[in-house]
Amino acid sequence: MGAPHPTLPMTGAICLAAACTLSGTICNQAARARSNPSEPYVIGHGGGTIATACVVDHDATTGAPIIESGSVIRTARRLMQGQVLDKKTGLFCIIVGS
């Protein structure tokens, strides 16, 4: 108890990005101001960070916000790492793959 969960689900990250984008929300007030509206929000969590984006439009009649889309930006993670011993030289070679 008392420790944060090590990950943030993608659905939660997208919802948090939407809340950061909507004016007047606590998340919007706490979020860092962005000079470019298309710049992603980077959310920190126990397992690292996750970059999210959200597009918000407004209803022409009521002015109510409409969340057009939400996304998570991911990069490939490392799939292997190892060491190889060159028998001729006796040197180790580090192999990193993605």
Foldseek 3Di string as FASTA:
>chain_A
DPAFDQDDDPVRVQVLQVQCLDPPHPSVVVADDDPDLQAWGWDAGNNGIWTKHWDWDADPPPRHIDTPDIDTDDDDDWDDWDWDADVVVRDIDIDTHD
